[in-house]
Amino acid sequence: MAKVAFLGLGVMGYPMAGHLKSAGHDVTVYNRTTARAEDWVSQHGGALGKTPSEAAASAEMVMACVGNDDDLRSVCLGEDGAFAAMAEGTLFVDHTTVSAAVTRELHDKASEKGIGFVDAPVSGGQAGAENGQLSIMCGGSEGNYVQAEAVIGAYAKLCRRIGESGAGQMTKMCNQIAIAGLVQGLSEALHFAQKAGLDGRSVVEVISQGAAGSWQMANRYETMLDDKWDHGFAVDWMRKDLGICLSTADENGASLPVTALVDQFYKDVQKLGGGRWDTSSLLKRLQAIDS
């Protein structure tokens, strides 16, 4: 069992850290809002660090699951950052979805201190985190990955090394690109069914068993038809992720016309007041156009 620090207790990090404690690891947590960390310790036990460096002190492995590039830098760097307290030979595992550029930057800074670094963004949403069924895509050296995998298994159904530093984040971009198109397609199908006077549930029952079937269809169609959006992965976070995808595509020359279009559709959802709605709320946008 490892001595682990977990930085960031949002909708994903909170249950992920809980799985580490349940697996028998010695866990210290940090969260920007201290009350959230106090709640976690009250529920799971373990210890609380008032700063990232305090949480990381004496840890063999430090996990982070925060918001964006700037949040990740803030928990890693500076006097109160985790890197300041981490010893040579320890390992930092980043579960945040961030740019490959900041991943490479922090990988290099960690290497200067003799700290291992694995970028390990996750897919599976809040339910996947709560059920310990996340798909985790990793970038980093083979040795660091093997060390991380043994601990990550507490909340993963699949964990795989894709390549060197940044490969995990690039793979997560592929994930978000694929999801954006799928959700828009599902939204259009359900909207079309409604306009045609069809029963949406009956339609999905049939088409989900053929080539149109997908995770999004199986897990989101009922809430979409019930006009429920207060769950899952928020539109604000999806736009952050798609922004990373589009910026990276500008750098590597990839053509992402559908992704760019769906990103603008999510901007429309934000204008409807749906920034915290689930990403399946693209259907709500279509319905609003017709109203």
C-alpha atoms as a PDB file:
ATOM      1  CA  MET A   1       0.000   0.000   0.000  1.00  0.00           C
ATOM      2  CA  ALA A   2       1.224   3.475  -0.858  1.00  0.00           C
ATOM      3  CA  LYS A   3       1.352   6.772   0.980  1.00  0.00           C
ATOM      4  CA  VAL A   4      -0.665   8.998  -1.360  1.00  0.00           C
ATOM      5  CA  ALA A   5      -1.716  12.647  -1.558  1.00  0.00           C
ATOM      6  CA  PHE A   6      -4.771  13.604  -3.590  1.00  0.00           C
ATOM      7  CA  LEU A   7      -5.170  17.228  -4.696  1.00  0.00           C
ATOM      8  CA  GLY A   8      -8.618  18.361  -5.810  1.00  0.00           C
ATOM      9  CA  LEU A   9     -11.877  16.979  -4.461  1.00  0.00           C
ATOM     10  CA  GLY A  10     -14.429  17.946  -7.078  1.00  0.00           C
ATOM     11  CA  VAL A  11     -17.122  15.666  -8.456  1.00  0.00           C
ATOM     12  CA  MET A  12     -14.400  13.384  -9.835  1.00  0.00           C
ATOM     13  CA  GLY A  13     -11.606  13.694  -7.290  1.00  0.00           C
ATOM     14  CA  TYR A  14     -13.773  13.215  -4.203  1.00  0.00           C
ATOM     15  CA  PRO A  15     -14.851   9.637  -5.044  1.00  0.00           C
ATOM     16  CA  MET A  16     -11.495   8.776  -6.646  1.00  0.00           C
ATOM     17  CA  ALA A  17      -9.669   9.631  -3.432  1.00  0.00           C
ATOM     18  CA  GLY A  18     -12.279   7.617  -1.554  1.00  0.00           C
ATOM     19  CA  HIS A  19     -11.490   4.532  -3.631  1.00  0.00           C
ATOM     20  CA  LEU A  20      -7.808   4.925  -2.764  1.00  0.00           C
ATOM     21  CA  LYS A  21      -8.652   4.946   0.947  1.00  0.00           C
ATOM     22  CA  SER A  22     -10.979   1.954   0.576  1.00  0.00           C
ATOM     23  CA  ALA A  23      -8.172   0.065  -1.182  1.00  0.00           C
ATOM     24  CA  GLY A  24      -6.018   0.496   1.906  1.00  0.00           C
ATOM     25  CA  HIS A  25      -3.739   3.336   0.837  1.00  0.00           C
ATOM     26  CA  ASP A  26      -2.616   5.996   3.322  1.00  0.00           C
ATOM     27  CA  VAL A  27      -4.325   9.087   1.878  1.00  0.00           C
ATOM     28  CA  THR A  28      -3.876  12.796   2.596  1.00  0.00           C
ATOM     29  CA  VAL A  29      -6.157  15.184   0.712  1.00  0.00           C
ATOM     30  CA  TYR A  30      -6.070  18.831  -0.273  1.00  0.00           C
ATOM     31  CA  ASN A  31      -8.843  20.976  -1.724  1.00  0.00           C
ATOM     32  CA  ARG A  32      -8.926  24.704  -2.424  1.00  0.00           C
ATOM     33  CA  THR A  33     -12.155  24.900  -0.408  1.00  0.00           C
ATOM     34  CA  THR A  34     -11.029  23.445   2.906  1.00  0.00           C
ATOM     35  CA  ALA A  35     -14.545  22.540   4.041  1.00  0.00           C
ATOM     36  CA  ARG A  36     -14.768  20.058   1.179  1.00  0.00           C
ATOM     37  CA  ALA A  37     -11.563  18.347   2.349  1.00  0.00           C
ATOM     38  CA  GLU A  38     -12.846  18.311   5.930  1.00  0.00           C
ATOM     39  CA  ASP A  39     -16.022  16.571   4.733  1.00  0.00           C
ATOM     40  CA  TRP A  40     -13.931  13.964   2.903  1.00  0.00           C
ATOM     41  CA  VAL A  41     -11.801  13.235   5.969  1.00  0.00           C
ATOM     42  CA  SER A  42     -14.933  12.999   8.116  1.00  0.00           C
ATOM     43  CA  GLN A  43     -16.382  10.462   5.701  1.00  0.00           C
ATOM     44  CA  HIS A  44     -13.299   8.432   4.802  1.00  0.00           C
ATOM     45  CA  GLY A  45     -10.659   9.060   7.433  1.00  0.00           C
ATOM     46  CA  GLY A  46      -7.140   9.888   6.315  1.00  0.00           C
ATOM     47  CA  ALA A  47      -5.519  13.282   6.744  1.00  0.00           C
ATOM     48  CA  LEU A  48      -5.924  16.831   5.464  1.00  0.00           C
ATOM     49  CA  GLY A  49      -3.241  19.128   4.089  1.00  0.00           C
ATOM     50  CA  LYS A  50      -3.878  22.868   4.234  1.00  0.00           C
ATOM     51  CA  THR A  51      -1.705  23.448   1.157  1.00  0.00           C
ATOM     52  CA  PRO A  52      -0.628  21.205  -1.726  1.00  0.00           C
ATOM     53  CA  SER A  53       2.904  21.081  -0.326  1.00  0.00           C
ATOM     54  CA  GLU A  54       1.643  20.083   3.115  1.00  0.00           C
ATOM     55  CA  ALA A  55      -0.454  17.308   1.611  1.00  0.00           C
ATOM     56  CA  ALA A  56       2.425  16.099  -0.562  1.00  0.00           C
ATOM     57  CA  ALA A  57       5.028  16.073   2.195  1.00  0.00           C
ATOM     58  CA  SER A  58       6.278  12.500   2.721  1.00  0.00           C
ATOM     59  CA  ALA A  59       3.915  11.133   0.023  1.00  0.00           C
ATOM     60  CA  GLU A  60       5.268   8.498  -2.333  1.00  0.00           C
ATOM     61  CA  MET A  61       2.724   9.443  -4.980  1.00  0.00           C
ATOM     62  CA  VAL A  62       0.707  12.621  -5.520  1.00  0.00           C
ATOM     63  CA  MET A  63      -2.485  12.616  -7.619  1.00  0.00           C
ATOM     64  CA  ALA A  64      -4.185  15.747  -8.911  1.00  0.00           C
ATOM     65  CA  CYS A  65      -7.638  16.257 -10.411  1.00  0.00           C
ATOM     66  CA  VAL A  66      -8.293  19.994 -10.658  1.00  0.00           C
ATOM     67  CA  GLY A  67      -9.898  22.351 -13.166  1.00  0.00           C
ATOM     68  CA  ASN A  68      -7.574  23.657 -15.867  1.00  0.00           C
ATOM     69  CA  ASP A  69      -3.991  24.567 -16.803  1.00  0.00           C
ATOM     70  CA  ASP A  70      -3.751  27.420 -14.307  1.00  0.00           C
ATOM     71  CA  ASP A  71      -5.235  25.336 -11.482  1.00  0.00           C
ATOM     72  CA  LEU A  72      -2.737  22.575 -12.169  1.00  0.00           C
ATOM     73  CA  ARG A  73       0.200  24.973 -12.179  1.00  0.00           C
ATOM     74  CA  SER A  74      -0.979  26.440  -8.877  1.00  0.00           C
ATOM     75  CA  VAL A  75      -1.059  23.081  -7.075  1.00  0.00           C
ATOM     76  CA  CYS A  76       2.311  22.040  -8.529  1.00  0.00           C
ATOM     77  CA  LEU A  77       4.514  25.135  -8.430  1.00  0.00           C
ATOM     78  CA  GLY A  78       5.603  27.771  -5.919  1.00  0.00           C
ATOM     79  CA  GLU A  79       6.383  27.548  -2.222  1.00  0.00           C
ATOM     80  CA  ASP A  80       3.000  25.978  -1.442  1.00  0.00           C
ATOM     81  CA  GLY A  81       2.993  23.735  -4.508  1.00  0.00           C
ATOM     82  CA  ALA A  82       3.350  19.988  -4.329  1.00  0.00           C
ATOM     83  CA  PHE A  83       6.683  19.891  -6.169  1.00  0.00           C
ATOM     84  CA  ALA A  84       8.312  21.921  -3.390  1.00  0.00           C
ATOM     85  CA  ALA A  85       7.641  19.141  -0.882  1.00  0.00           C
ATOM     86  CA  MET A  86       8.068  16.056  -3.053  1.00  0.00           C
ATOM     87  CA  ALA A  87      11.255  14.053  -2.654  1.00  0.00           C
ATOM     88  CA  GLU A  88      13.424  12.702  -5.429  1.00  0.00           C
ATOM     89  CA  GLY A  89      12.069   9.384  -6.675  1.00  0.00           C
ATOM     90  CA  THR A  90       8.417  10.179  -5.905  1.00  0.00           C
ATOM     91  CA  LEU A  91       5.722  10.312  -8.573  1.00  0.00           C
ATOM     92  CA  PHE A  92       3.139  12.901  -9.639  1.00  0.00           C
ATOM     93  CA  VAL A  93       0.047  11.633 -11.481  1.00  0.00           C
ATOM     94  CA  ASP A  94      -2.192  14.224 -13.140  1.00  0.00           C
ATOM     95  CA  HIS A  95      -5.805  13.246 -13.802  1.00  0.00           C
ATOM     96  CA  THR A  96      -6.820  16.755 -14.915  1.00  0.00           C
ATOM     97  CA  THR A  97      -7.765  17.361 -18.541  1.00  0.00           C
ATOM     98  CA  VAL A  98      -5.288  20.045 -19.556  1.00  0.00           C
ATOM     99  CA  SER A  99      -3.238  21.059 -22.585  1.00  0.00           C
ATOM    100  CA  ALA A 100      -0.348  18.911 -23.707  1.00  0.00           C
ATOM    101  CA  ALA A 101       1.783  22.065 -23.460  1.00  0.00           C
ATOM    102  CA  VAL A 102       1.309  22.457 -19.688  1.00  0.00           C
ATOM    103  CA  THR A 103       1.805  18.714 -19.295  1.00  0.00           C
ATOM    104  CA  ARG A 104       5.186  18.887 -20.996  1.00  0.00           C
ATOM    105  CA  GLU A 105       6.073  22.012 -18.981  1.00  0.00           C
ATOM    106  CA  LEU A 106       5.326  20.358 -15.646  1.00  0.00           C
ATOM    107  CA  HIS A 107       6.905  17.082 -16.727  1.00  0.00           C
ATOM    108  CA  ASP A 108      10.151  18.965 -17.368  1.00  0.00           C
ATOM    109  CA  LYS A 109       9.991  20.841 -14.058  1.00  0.00           C
ATOM    110  CA  ALA A 110       9.312  17.589 -12.202  1.00  0.00           C
ATOM    111  CA  SER A 111      12.206  15.886 -13.969  1.00  0.00           C
ATOM    112  CA  GLU A 112      14.554  18.669 -12.842  1.00  0.00           C
ATOM    113  CA  LYS A 113      13.756  17.677  -9.245  1.00  0.00           C
ATOM    114  CA  GLY A 114      13.982  13.947  -9.898  1.00  0.00           C
ATOM    115  CA  ILE A 115      10.191  13.551  -9.643  1.00  0.00           C
ATOM    116  CA  GLY A 116       8.375  11.196 -12.016  1.00  0.00           C
ATOM    117  CA  PHE A 117       5.371  12.551 -13.929  1.00  0.00           C
ATOM    118  CA  VAL A 118       2.468  10.738 -15.588  1.00  0.00           C
ATOM    119  CA  ASP A 119      -0.369  12.518 -17.375  1.00  0.00           C
ATOM    120  CA  ALA A 120      -3.434  10.364 -16.815  1.00  0.00           C
ATOM    121  CA  PRO A 121      -6.711  12.061 -17.832  1.00  0.00           C
ATOM    122  CA  VAL A 122      -9.863  10.060 -17.276  1.00  0.00           C
ATOM    123  CA  SER A 123     -13.103   9.255 -19.065  1.00  0.00           C
ATOM    124  CA  GLY A 124     -16.300   7.889 -17.585  1.00  0.00           C
ATOM    125  CA  GLY A 125     -17.800  10.915 -15.882  1.00  0.00           C
ATOM    126  CA  GLN A 126     -19.024  11.304 -12.340  1.00  0.00           C
ATOM    127  CA  ALA A 127     -20.693   7.876 -12.370  1.00  0.00           C
ATOM    128  CA  GLY A 128     -17.454   6.254 -13.493  1.00  0.00           C
ATOM    129  CA  ALA A 129     -15.556   7.955 -10.683  1.00  0.00           C
ATOM    130  CA  GLU A 130     -18.138   6.969  -8.071  1.00  0.00           C
ATOM    131  CA  ASN A 131     -18.246   3.350  -9.248  1.00  0.00           C
ATOM    132  CA  GLY A 132     -14.487   3.002  -9.754  1.00  0.00           C
ATOM    133  CA  GLN A 133     -15.027   2.333 -13.456  1.00  0.00           C
ATOM    134  CA  LEU A 134     -12.940   5.009 -15.162  1.00  0.00           C
ATOM    135  CA  SER A 135     -11.029   4.608 -18.398  1.00  0.00           C
ATOM    136  CA  ILE A 136      -7.589   6.160 -17.926  1.00  0.00           C
ATOM    137  CA  MET A 137      -5.185   7.105 -20.709  1.00  0.00           C
ATOM    138  CA  CYS A 138      -1.586   7.729 -19.714  1.00  0.00           C
ATOM    139  CA  GLY A 139       1.562   9.392 -20.970  1.00  0.00           C
ATOM    140  CA  GLY A 140       4.996   9.045 -19.419  1.00  0.00           C
ATOM    141  CA  SER A 141       7.897   6.654 -19.100  1.00  0.00           C
ATOM    142  CA  GLU A 142       7.189   2.933 -18.864  1.00  0.00           C
ATOM    143  CA  GLY A 143       8.678   2.750 -15.364  1.00  0.00           C
ATOM    144  CA  ASN A 144       6.601   5.628 -14.014  1.00  0.00           C
ATOM    145  CA  TYR A 145       3.482   4.221 -15.639  1.00  0.00           C
ATOM    146  CA  VAL A 146       3.920   0.795 -14.049  1.00  0.00           C
ATOM    147  CA  GLN A 147       4.328   2.446 -10.650  1.00  0.00           C
ATOM    148  CA  ALA A 148       1.200   4.574 -11.163  1.00  0.00           C
ATOM    149  CA  GLU A 149      -0.928   1.769 -12.582  1.00  0.00           C
ATOM    150  CA  ALA A 150      -0.692  -0.259  -9.385  1.00  0.00           C
ATOM    151  CA  VAL A 151      -2.414   2.555  -7.456  1.00  0.00           C
ATOM    152  CA  ILE A 152      -4.706   3.879 -10.209  1.00  0.00           C
ATOM    153  CA  GLY A 153      -6.356   0.461 -10.345  1.00  0.00           C
ATOM    154  CA  ALA A 154      -8.411   1.442  -7.302  1.00  0.00           C
ATOM    155  CA  TYR A 155     -10.759   3.462  -9.548  1.00  0.00           C
ATOM    156  CA  ALA A 156     -10.066   2.208 -13.082  1.00  0.00           C
ATOM    157  CA  LYS A 157     -11.783  -0.365 -15.262  1.00  0.00           C
ATOM    158  CA  LEU A 158      -9.092   0.205 -17.895  1.00  0.00           C
ATOM    159  CA  CYS A 159      -5.719   1.914 -17.604  1.00  0.00           C
ATOM    160  CA  ARG A 160      -3.287   2.027 -20.510  1.00  0.00           C
ATOM    161  CA  ARG A 161      -0.029   3.763 -21.382  1.00  0.00           C
ATOM    162  CA  ILE A 162      -0.344   5.392 -24.810  1.00  0.00           C
ATOM    163  CA  GLY A 163       3.151   6.860 -25.101  1.00  0.00           C
ATOM    164  CA  GLU A 164       5.559   9.418 -23.694  1.00  0.00           C
ATOM    165  CA  SER A 165       4.641  12.572 -21.768  1.00  0.00           C
ATOM    166  CA  GLY A 166       1.587  14.300 -23.254  1.00  0.00           C
ATOM    167  CA  ALA A 167       0.239  11.198 -24.990  1.00  0.00           C
ATOM    168  CA  GLY A 168      -2.445  10.767 -22.338  1.00  0.00           C
ATOM    169  CA  GLN A 169      -3.719  14.308 -22.846  1.00  0.00           C
ATOM    170  CA  MET A 170      -3.682  13.909 -26.624  1.00  0.00           C
ATOM    171  CA  THR A 171      -5.760  10.741 -26.253  1.00  0.00           C
ATOM    172  CA  LYS A 172      -8.229  12.557 -24.009  1.00  0.00           C
ATOM    173  CA  MET A 173      -8.621  15.130 -26.773  1.00  0.00           C
ATOM    174  CA  CYS A 174      -9.541  12.305 -29.158  1.00  0.00           C
ATOM    175  CA  ASN A 175     -12.119  11.209 -26.575  1.00  0.00           C
ATOM    176  CA  GLN A 176     -13.730  14.646 -26.350  1.00  0.00           C
ATOM    177  CA  ILE A 177     -13.709  15.108 -30.135  1.00  0.00           C
ATOM    178  CA  ALA A 178     -15.569  11.812 -30.545  1.00  0.00           C
ATOM    179  CA  ILE A 179     -18.080  12.629 -27.790  1.00  0.00           C
ATOM    180  CA  ALA A 180     -18.920  16.048 -29.243  1.00  0.00           C
ATOM    181  CA  GLY A 181     -20.035  14.587 -32.561  1.00  0.00           C
ATOM    182  CA  LEU A 182     -21.878  11.684 -30.940  1.00  0.00           C
ATOM    183  CA  VAL A 183     -23.925  13.881 -28.606  1.00  0.00           C
ATOM    184  CA  GLN A 184     -24.886  16.251 -31.416  1.00  0.00           C
ATOM    185  CA  GLY A 185     -25.952  13.302 -33.575  1.00  0.00           C
ATOM    186  CA  LEU A 186     -27.993  11.798 -30.740  1.00  0.00           C
ATOM    187  CA  SER A 187     -29.611  15.166 -30.024  1.00  0.00           C
ATOM    188  CA  GLU A 188     -30.600  15.588 -33.656  1.00  0.00           C
ATOM    189  CA  ALA A 189     -32.038  12.056 -33.805  1.00  0.00           C
ATOM    190  CA  LEU A 190     -34.177  12.586 -30.695  1.00  0.00           C
ATOM    191  CA  HIS A 191     -35.244  16.032 -31.882  1.00  0.00           C
ATOM    192  CA  PHE A 192     -36.232  14.591 -35.262  1.00  0.00           C
ATOM    193  CA  ALA A 193     -38.236  11.830 -33.536  1.00  0.00           C
ATOM    194  CA  GLN A 194     -40.084  14.401 -31.453  1.00  0.00           C
ATOM    195  CA  LYS A 195     -40.898  16.559 -34.482  1.00  0.00           C
ATOM    196  CA  ALA A 196     -42.090  13.454 -36.363  1.00  0.00           C
ATOM    197  CA  GLY A 197     -44.463  12.572 -33.538  1.00  0.00           C
ATOM    198  CA  LEU A 198     -42.605   9.360 -32.637  1.00  0.00           C
ATOM    199  CA  ASP A 199     -42.143   7.915 -29.168  1.00  0.00           C
ATOM    200  CA  GLY A 200     -38.493   8.597 -28.397  1.00  0.00           C
ATOM    201  CA  ARG A 201     -38.092   5.639 -26.079  1.00  0.00           C
ATOM    202  CA  SER A 202     -39.416   3.224 -28.650  1.00  0.00           C
ATOM    203  CA  VAL A 203     -37.136   4.715 -31.277  1.00  0.00           C
ATOM    204  CA  VAL A 204     -34.056   4.312 -29.074  1.00  0.00           C
ATOM    205  CA  GLU A 205     -35.051   0.790 -28.060  1.00  0.00           C
ATOM    206  CA  VAL A 206     -34.790  -0.201 -31.710  1.00  0.00           C
ATOM    207  CA  ILE A 207     -31.890   1.853 -33.049  1.00  0.00           C
ATOM    208  CA  SER A 208     -29.666   1.328 -29.981  1.00  0.00           C
ATOM    209  CA  GLN A 209     -29.405  -2.355 -30.905  1.00  0.00           C
ATOM    210  CA  GLY A 210     -27.971  -1.565 -34.326  1.00  0.00           C
ATOM    211  CA  ALA A 211     -25.118   0.489 -35.711  1.00  0.00           C
ATOM    212  CA  ALA A 212     -26.408   3.702 -34.090  1.00  0.00           C
ATOM    213  CA  GLY A 213     -25.869   2.410 -30.563  1.00  0.00           C
ATOM    214  CA  SER A 214     -23.367   4.203 -28.301  1.00  0.00           C
ATOM    215  CA  TRP A 215     -22.555   4.834 -24.643  1.00  0.00           C
ATOM    216  CA  GLN A 216     -24.126   8.267 -24.953  1.00  0.00           C
ATOM    217  CA  MET A 217     -27.350   6.782 -26.282  1.00  0.00           C
ATOM    218  CA  ALA A 218     -27.535   4.072 -23.633  1.00  0.00           C
ATOM    219  CA  ASN A 219     -26.777   6.385 -20.710  1.00  0.00           C
ATOM    220  CA  ARG A 220     -28.280   9.731 -21.704  1.00  0.00           C
ATOM    221  CA  TYR A 221     -31.377   9.288 -23.869  1.00  0.00           C
ATOM    222  CA  GLU A 222     -33.832   8.920 -20.962  1.00  0.00           C
ATOM    223  CA  THR A 223     -32.687  12.055 -19.146  1.00  0.00           C
ATOM    224  CA  MET A 224     -32.646  13.923 -22.443  1.00  0.00           C
ATOM    225  CA  LEU A 225     -36.241  12.936 -23.177  1.00  0.00           C
ATOM    226  CA  ASP A 226     -37.191  13.829 -19.587  1.00  0.00           C
ATOM    227  CA  ASP A 227     -35.637  17.299 -19.920  1.00  0.00           C
ATOM    228  CA  LYS A 228     -33.160  16.639 -17.077  1.00  0.00           C
ATOM    229  CA  TRP A 229     -29.724  18.215 -17.325  1.00  0.00           C
ATOM    230  CA  ASP A 230     -28.455  18.586 -13.749  1.00  0.00           C
ATOM    231  CA  HIS A 231     -25.997  15.697 -13.804  1.00  0.00           C
ATOM    232  CA  GLY A 232     -22.902  14.434 -15.560  1.00  0.00           C
ATOM    233  CA  PHE A 233     -20.187  16.485 -17.256  1.00  0.00           C
ATOM    234  CA  ALA A 234     -20.917  20.207 -17.432  1.00  0.00           C
ATOM    235  CA  VAL A 235     -21.037  22.221 -20.637  1.00  0.00           C
ATOM    236  CA  ASP A 236     -18.549  24.753 -19.205  1.00  0.00           C
ATOM    237  CA  TRP A 237     -15.977  21.994 -18.760  1.00  0.00           C
ATOM    238  CA  MET A 238     -16.671  20.545 -22.199  1.00  0.00           C
ATOM    239  CA  ARG A 239     -16.054  23.925 -23.808  1.00  0.00           C
ATOM    240  CA  LYS A 240     -12.768  24.144 -21.918  1.00  0.00           C
ATOM    241  CA  ASP A 241     -11.784  20.732 -23.267  1.00  0.00           C
ATOM    242  CA  LEU A 242     -12.905  21.462 -26.827  1.00  0.00           C
ATOM    243  CA  GLY A 243     -10.940  24.709 -26.711  1.00  0.00           C
ATOM    244  CA  ILE A 244      -7.836  22.660 -25.946  1.00  0.00           C
ATOM    245  CA  CYS A 245      -8.648  20.314 -28.839  1.00  0.00           C
ATOM    246  CA  LEU A 246      -9.113  23.158 -31.320  1.00  0.00           C
ATOM    247  CA  SER A 247      -5.999  25.001 -30.165  1.00  0.00           C
ATOM    248  CA  THR A 248      -3.915  21.840 -30.481  1.00  0.00           C
ATOM    249  CA  ALA A 249      -5.400  21.155 -33.925  1.00  0.00           C
ATOM    250  CA  ASP A 250      -4.185  24.582 -35.012  1.00  0.00           C
ATOM    251  CA  GLU A 251      -0.693  23.509 -33.956  1.00  0.00           C
ATOM    252  CA  ASN A 252      -0.620  20.043 -35.519  1.00  0.00           C
ATOM    253  CA  GLY A 253      -2.681  20.766 -38.623  1.00  0.00           C
ATOM    254  CA  ALA A 254      -5.623  18.483 -37.832  1.00  0.00           C
ATOM    255  CA  SER A 255      -8.978  19.425 -39.391  1.00  0.00           C
ATOM    256  CA  LEU A 256     -11.834  19.422 -36.848  1.00  0.00           C
ATOM    257  CA  PRO A 257     -14.855  21.004 -38.583  1.00  0.00           C
ATOM    258  CA  VAL A 258     -17.519  19.116 -36.595  1.00  0.00           C
ATOM    259  CA  THR A 259     -15.748  19.780 -33.292  1.00  0.00           C
ATOM    260  CA  ALA A 260     -15.544  23.499 -34.062  1.00  0.00           C
ATOM    261  CA  LEU A 261     -19.246  23.585 -34.929  1.00  0.00           C
ATOM    262  CA  VAL A 262     -20.350  21.683 -31.818  1.00  0.00           C
ATOM    263  CA  ASP A 263     -18.188  23.964 -29.672  1.00  0.00           C
ATOM    264  CA  GLN A 264     -20.263  26.886 -30.965  1.00  0.00           C
ATOM    265  CA  PHE A 265     -23.447  24.948 -30.236  1.00  0.00           C
ATOM    266  CA  TYR A 266     -22.280  24.560 -26.633  1.00  0.00           C
ATOM    267  CA  LYS A 267     -21.685  28.314 -26.591  1.00  0.00           C
ATOM    268  CA  ASP A 268     -25.355  28.677 -27.473  1.00  0.00           C
ATOM    269  CA  VAL A 269     -26.256  26.416 -24.552  1.00  0.00           C
ATOM    270  CA  GLN A 270     -24.218  28.650 -22.250  1.00  0.00           C
ATOM    271  CA  LYS A 271     -26.215  31.638 -23.505  1.00  0.00           C
ATOM    272  CA  LEU A 272     -29.374  29.741 -22.521  1.00  0.00           C
ATOM    273  CA  GLY A 273     -28.009  29.626 -18.966  1.00  0.00           C
ATOM    274  CA  GLY A 274     -26.875  26.020 -19.302  1.00  0.00           C
ATOM    275  CA  GLY A 275     -23.200  26.288 -18.469  1.00  0.00           C
ATOM    276  CA  ARG A 276     -23.610  23.761 -15.664  1.00  0.00           C
ATOM    277  CA  TRP A 277     -26.003  21.518 -17.591  1.00  0.00           C
ATOM    278  CA  ASP A 278     -24.869  18.103 -18.738  1.00  0.00           C
ATOM    279  CA  THR A 279     -23.292  17.945 -22.209  1.00  0.00           C
ATOM    280  CA  SER A 280     -26.368  16.115 -23.514  1.00  0.00           C
ATOM    281  CA  SER A 281     -28.179  19.473 -23.322  1.00  0.00           C
ATOM    282  CA  LEU A 282     -27.430  20.008 -27.010  1.00  0.00           C
ATOM    283  CA  LEU A 283     -30.985  18.719 -27.442  1.00  0.00           C
ATOM    284  CA  LYS A 284     -32.211  21.665 -25.360  1.00  0.00           C
ATOM    285  CA  ARG A 285     -30.554  23.998 -27.854  1.00  0.00           C
ATOM    286  CA  LEU A 286     -32.426  22.412 -30.761  1.00  0.00           C
ATOM    287  CA  GLN A 287     -35.699  22.676 -28.893  1.00  0.00           C
ATOM    288  CA  ALA A 288     -35.018  26.333 -28.087  1.00  0.00           C
ATOM    289  CA  ILE A 289     -34.456  27.119 -31.769  1.00  0.00           C
ATOM    290  CA  ASP A 290     -37.955  25.852 -32.564  1.00  0.00           C
ATOM    291  CA  SER A 291     -39.706  27.620 -29.692  1.00  0.00           C
END
